[in-house]
N, C-alpha and C. Protein backbone atom coordinates (compact mmCIF):
# COMPACT_ATOMS: atom_id res chain seq x y z
N MET A 1 -43.27 128.05 103.17
CA MET A 1 -43.81 129.38 103.33
C MET A 1 -43.44 130.01 104.72
N ARG A 2 -43.44 129.17 105.72
CA ARG A 2 -43.09 129.70 107.06
C ARG A 2 -41.64 130.15 107.03
N ALA A 3 -40.73 129.39 106.41
CA ALA A 3 -39.33 129.73 106.34
C ALA A 3 -39.11 131.10 105.67
N HIS A 4 -39.86 131.39 104.59
CA HIS A 4 -39.77 132.65 103.90
C HIS A 4 -40.32 133.77 104.81
N ARG A 5 -41.37 133.51 105.50
CA ARG A 5 -41.93 134.55 106.41
C ARG A 5 -40.94 134.86 107.55
N VAL A 6 -40.43 133.83 108.17
CA VAL A 6 -39.51 134.00 109.29
C VAL A 6 -38.19 134.66 108.83
N GLN A 7 -37.72 134.27 107.63
CA GLN A 7 -36.48 134.89 107.11
C GLN A 7 -36.64 136.39 106.93
N ARG A 8 -37.79 136.84 106.59
CA ARG A 8 -38.01 138.27 106.39
C ARG A 8 -38.41 138.98 107.69
N GLY A 9 -38.66 138.22 108.74
CA GLY A 9 -39.01 138.81 110.02
C GLY A 9 -40.46 139.31 110.14
N TRP A 10 -41.34 138.76 109.25
CA TRP A 10 -42.70 139.13 109.24
C TRP A 10 -43.56 138.29 110.22
N THR A 11 -44.50 138.85 110.84
CA THR A 11 -45.47 138.14 111.68
C THR A 11 -46.56 137.55 110.77
N ILE A 12 -47.28 136.63 111.37
CA ILE A 12 -48.42 136.05 110.65
C ILE A 12 -49.41 137.12 110.28
N ALA A 13 -49.65 138.04 111.19
CA ALA A 13 -50.62 139.16 110.90
C ALA A 13 -50.14 140.05 109.78
N GLU A 14 -48.83 140.33 109.70
CA GLU A 14 -48.29 141.13 108.64
C GLU A 14 -48.42 140.48 107.22
N VAL A 15 -48.16 139.16 107.18
CA VAL A 15 -48.29 138.45 105.90
C VAL A 15 -49.73 138.39 105.53
N ALA A 16 -50.60 138.11 106.44
CA ALA A 16 -52.01 138.02 106.18
C ALA A 16 -52.58 139.35 105.63
N GLU A 17 -52.07 140.46 106.18
CA GLU A 17 -52.46 141.77 105.74
C GLU A 17 -52.00 142.03 104.30
N ARG A 18 -50.78 141.64 104.03
CA ARG A 18 -50.18 141.82 102.68
C ARG A 18 -50.96 140.98 101.68
N LEU A 19 -51.40 139.79 102.07
CA LEU A 19 -52.10 138.94 101.11
C LEU A 19 -53.60 139.12 101.13
N ILE A 20 -54.11 140.00 101.99
CA ILE A 20 -55.53 140.34 102.10
C ILE A 20 -56.30 139.05 102.45
N CYS A 21 -55.87 138.41 103.51
CA CYS A 21 -56.57 137.21 104.00
C CYS A 21 -56.50 137.27 105.51
N SER A 22 -57.20 136.38 106.17
CA SER A 22 -57.18 136.33 107.60
C SER A 22 -55.91 135.55 108.07
N PRO A 23 -55.48 135.89 109.28
CA PRO A 23 -54.36 135.14 109.86
C PRO A 23 -54.68 133.62 109.93
N THR A 24 -55.87 133.27 110.17
CA THR A 24 -56.22 131.83 110.19
C THR A 24 -56.00 131.18 108.81
N THR A 25 -56.38 131.87 107.81
CA THR A 25 -56.20 131.37 106.43
C THR A 25 -54.71 131.21 106.13
N TRP A 26 -53.91 132.21 106.52
CA TRP A 26 -52.51 132.11 106.29
C TRP A 26 -51.86 130.93 107.08
N ARG A 27 -52.33 130.70 108.29
CA ARG A 27 -51.86 129.59 109.09
C ARG A 27 -52.18 128.25 108.35
N ALA A 28 -53.37 128.19 107.76
CA ALA A 28 -53.76 126.96 107.03
C ALA A 28 -52.85 126.76 105.84
N LEU A 29 -52.51 127.81 105.14
CA LEU A 29 -51.58 127.74 103.98
C LEU A 29 -50.20 127.28 104.44
N GLU A 30 -49.76 127.90 105.51
CA GLU A 30 -48.43 127.64 106.03
C GLU A 30 -48.33 126.10 106.50
N SER A 31 -49.38 125.60 107.05
CA SER A 31 -49.35 124.23 107.54
C SER A 31 -49.71 123.23 106.45
N GLY A 32 -50.05 123.72 105.29
CA GLY A 32 -50.28 122.76 104.18
C GLY A 32 -51.64 122.18 104.12
N LYS A 33 -52.62 122.83 104.67
CA LYS A 33 -54.00 122.32 104.66
C LYS A 33 -54.48 122.30 103.19
N PRO A 34 -55.12 121.18 102.74
CA PRO A 34 -55.51 121.09 101.35
C PRO A 34 -56.63 121.99 100.92
N GLY A 35 -57.38 122.59 101.82
CA GLY A 35 -58.50 123.41 101.39
C GLY A 35 -58.20 124.85 101.15
N THR A 36 -56.92 125.24 101.28
CA THR A 36 -56.60 126.63 101.04
C THR A 36 -56.56 126.99 99.51
N SER A 37 -56.77 128.20 99.22
CA SER A 37 -56.93 128.64 97.85
C SER A 37 -55.62 128.55 97.04
N MET A 38 -55.69 128.09 95.81
CA MET A 38 -54.55 128.05 94.95
C MET A 38 -54.12 129.51 94.59
N GLY A 39 -55.16 130.37 94.50
CA GLY A 39 -54.81 131.78 94.21
C GLY A 39 -54.01 132.42 95.35
N LEU A 40 -54.37 132.08 96.59
CA LEU A 40 -53.60 132.55 97.68
C LEU A 40 -52.19 132.03 97.68
N LEU A 41 -52.02 130.76 97.34
CA LEU A 41 -50.67 130.17 97.21
C LEU A 41 -49.88 130.92 96.17
N ALA A 42 -50.48 131.15 95.02
CA ALA A 42 -49.75 131.89 93.96
C ALA A 42 -49.41 133.26 94.40
N HIS A 43 -50.30 133.94 95.07
CA HIS A 43 -50.05 135.29 95.55
C HIS A 43 -48.90 135.27 96.59
N ALA A 44 -48.92 134.32 97.46
CA ALA A 44 -47.83 134.22 98.48
C ALA A 44 -46.49 133.94 97.85
N LEU A 45 -46.47 133.07 96.86
CA LEU A 45 -45.21 132.75 96.18
C LEU A 45 -44.71 134.03 95.48
N TRP A 46 -45.58 134.78 94.88
CA TRP A 46 -45.17 136.02 94.30
C TRP A 46 -44.63 137.04 95.28
N LEU A 47 -45.27 137.10 96.42
CA LEU A 47 -44.86 138.04 97.49
C LEU A 47 -43.45 137.68 97.92
N PHE A 48 -43.16 136.42 98.00
CA PHE A 48 -41.80 136.01 98.48
C PHE A 48 -40.82 135.85 97.34
N GLY A 49 -41.20 136.23 96.15
CA GLY A 49 -40.27 136.20 95.02
C GLY A 49 -40.04 134.76 94.48
N GLU A 50 -40.97 133.87 94.71
CA GLU A 50 -40.80 132.50 94.33
C GLU A 50 -41.91 132.03 93.38
N ALA A 51 -42.44 132.96 92.54
CA ALA A 51 -43.52 132.63 91.66
C ALA A 51 -43.18 131.49 90.69
N GLU A 52 -41.92 131.38 90.30
CA GLU A 52 -41.47 130.38 89.34
C GLU A 52 -41.67 128.98 89.94
N SER A 53 -41.57 128.85 91.25
CA SER A 53 -41.70 127.55 91.88
C SER A 53 -43.12 126.99 91.81
N LEU A 54 -44.09 127.76 91.35
CA LEU A 54 -45.40 127.31 91.18
C LEU A 54 -45.49 126.18 90.12
N ASP A 55 -44.54 126.20 89.17
CA ASP A 55 -44.46 125.17 88.14
C ASP A 55 -44.25 123.79 88.78
N ALA A 56 -43.60 123.71 89.92
CA ALA A 56 -43.43 122.43 90.56
C ALA A 56 -44.74 121.89 91.14
N VAL A 57 -45.70 122.80 91.47
CA VAL A 57 -46.97 122.39 91.99
C VAL A 57 -47.96 122.09 90.87
N ALA A 58 -47.99 122.98 89.89
CA ALA A 58 -48.87 122.81 88.75
C ALA A 58 -48.16 123.13 87.48
N PRO A 59 -47.48 122.12 86.89
CA PRO A 59 -46.69 122.35 85.66
C PRO A 59 -47.57 122.81 84.49
N THR A 60 -47.03 123.65 83.71
CA THR A 60 -47.73 124.11 82.46
C THR A 60 -47.69 123.00 81.47
N PRO A 61 -48.80 122.70 80.78
CA PRO A 61 -48.80 121.69 79.73
C PRO A 61 -47.82 122.04 78.64
N ALA A 62 -47.20 121.04 78.07
CA ALA A 62 -46.13 121.27 77.07
C ALA A 62 -46.61 122.15 75.92
N ALA A 63 -47.84 121.89 75.45
CA ALA A 63 -48.34 122.72 74.28
C ALA A 63 -48.42 124.17 74.62
N LEU A 64 -48.84 124.49 75.84
CA LEU A 64 -48.86 125.89 76.25
C LEU A 64 -47.51 126.50 76.50
N ALA A 65 -46.62 125.67 77.05
CA ALA A 65 -45.27 126.15 77.26
C ALA A 65 -44.57 126.49 76.00
N ALA A 66 -44.89 125.77 74.90
CA ALA A 66 -44.26 125.98 73.57
C ALA A 66 -45.01 127.11 72.80
N HIS A 67 -45.98 127.74 73.46
CA HIS A 67 -46.76 128.83 72.81
C HIS A 67 -47.52 128.36 71.60
N ARG A 68 -47.96 127.10 71.64
CA ARG A 68 -48.79 126.61 70.56
C ARG A 68 -50.21 126.56 71.01
N ARG A 69 -51.13 126.79 70.07
CA ARG A 69 -52.53 126.70 70.43
C ARG A 69 -52.91 125.25 70.53
N VAL A 70 -53.74 124.91 71.46
CA VAL A 70 -54.22 123.52 71.65
C VAL A 70 -55.63 123.47 71.01
N ARG A 71 -55.77 122.58 70.03
CA ARG A 71 -57.04 122.49 69.35
C ARG A 71 -57.87 121.33 69.98
N ARG A 72 -59.15 121.58 70.02
CA ARG A 72 -60.00 120.54 70.49
C ARG A 72 -60.66 119.83 69.31
N ALA A 73 -61.11 118.62 69.48
CA ALA A 73 -61.73 117.88 68.40
C ALA A 73 -62.96 118.60 67.84
N ALA A 74 -63.18 118.52 66.56
CA ALA A 74 -64.33 119.18 65.91
C ALA A 74 -65.61 118.67 66.48
N GLY A 75 -66.56 119.53 66.71
CA GLY A 75 -67.89 119.15 67.23
C GLY A 75 -67.97 119.04 68.76
N LYS A 76 -66.84 119.18 69.41
CA LYS A 76 -66.85 119.13 70.88
C LYS A 76 -66.91 120.53 71.44
N THR A 77 -67.67 120.67 72.48
CA THR A 77 -67.72 121.97 73.17
C THR A 77 -66.58 122.12 74.12
N ALA A 78 -66.30 123.32 74.47
CA ALA A 78 -65.23 123.61 75.44
C ALA A 78 -65.65 123.12 76.79
N ALA A 79 -64.69 122.80 77.61
CA ALA A 79 -64.92 122.31 78.99
C ALA A 79 -65.67 123.40 79.74
N GLY A 80 -66.74 122.97 80.46
CA GLY A 80 -67.53 123.89 81.28
C GLY A 80 -68.68 124.54 80.52
N VAL A 81 -68.78 124.31 79.20
CA VAL A 81 -69.86 124.95 78.44
C VAL A 81 -71.07 124.00 78.47
N ILE A 82 -72.26 124.50 78.73
CA ILE A 82 -73.44 123.69 78.76
C ILE A 82 -74.08 123.68 77.38
N ALA A 83 -74.34 122.47 76.87
CA ALA A 83 -74.91 122.32 75.55
C ALA A 83 -76.37 122.76 75.55
N GLU A 84 -76.93 123.16 74.40
CA GLU A 84 -78.33 123.60 74.36
C GLU A 84 -79.28 122.49 74.88
N GLY A 85 -79.05 121.26 74.55
CA GLY A 85 -79.92 120.17 74.97
C GLY A 85 -79.91 120.02 76.48
N GLU A 86 -78.87 120.42 77.15
CA GLU A 86 -78.80 120.27 78.64
C GLU A 86 -79.47 121.43 79.39
N ARG A 87 -79.89 122.47 78.65
CA ARG A 87 -80.47 123.65 79.29
C ARG A 87 -81.96 123.52 79.55
N ASP A 88 -82.52 122.39 79.10
CA ASP A 88 -84.01 122.19 79.28
C ASP A 88 -84.24 121.57 80.60
N PHE A 89 -84.62 122.38 81.60
CA PHE A 89 -84.91 121.84 82.91
C PHE A 89 -86.11 122.50 83.50
């Protein structure tokens, strides 16, 4: 990320402004801190024209890449959905 920024002659403040984040957050992304947002990483890659390289970080599952629908087993709820029995608290 730093190499792309330096190659374009942008300061940390300029990149942070373009990505709508703080300079501290941009420094964290540049230095590879694990707590930075994946969305910010994707946005930065897009800004530098490197959005395709995101596949190296988070590859698309083969079924989605082939434009096939992925079916889940019958009777199972989707991930993140709370079943009716779990709502009783």
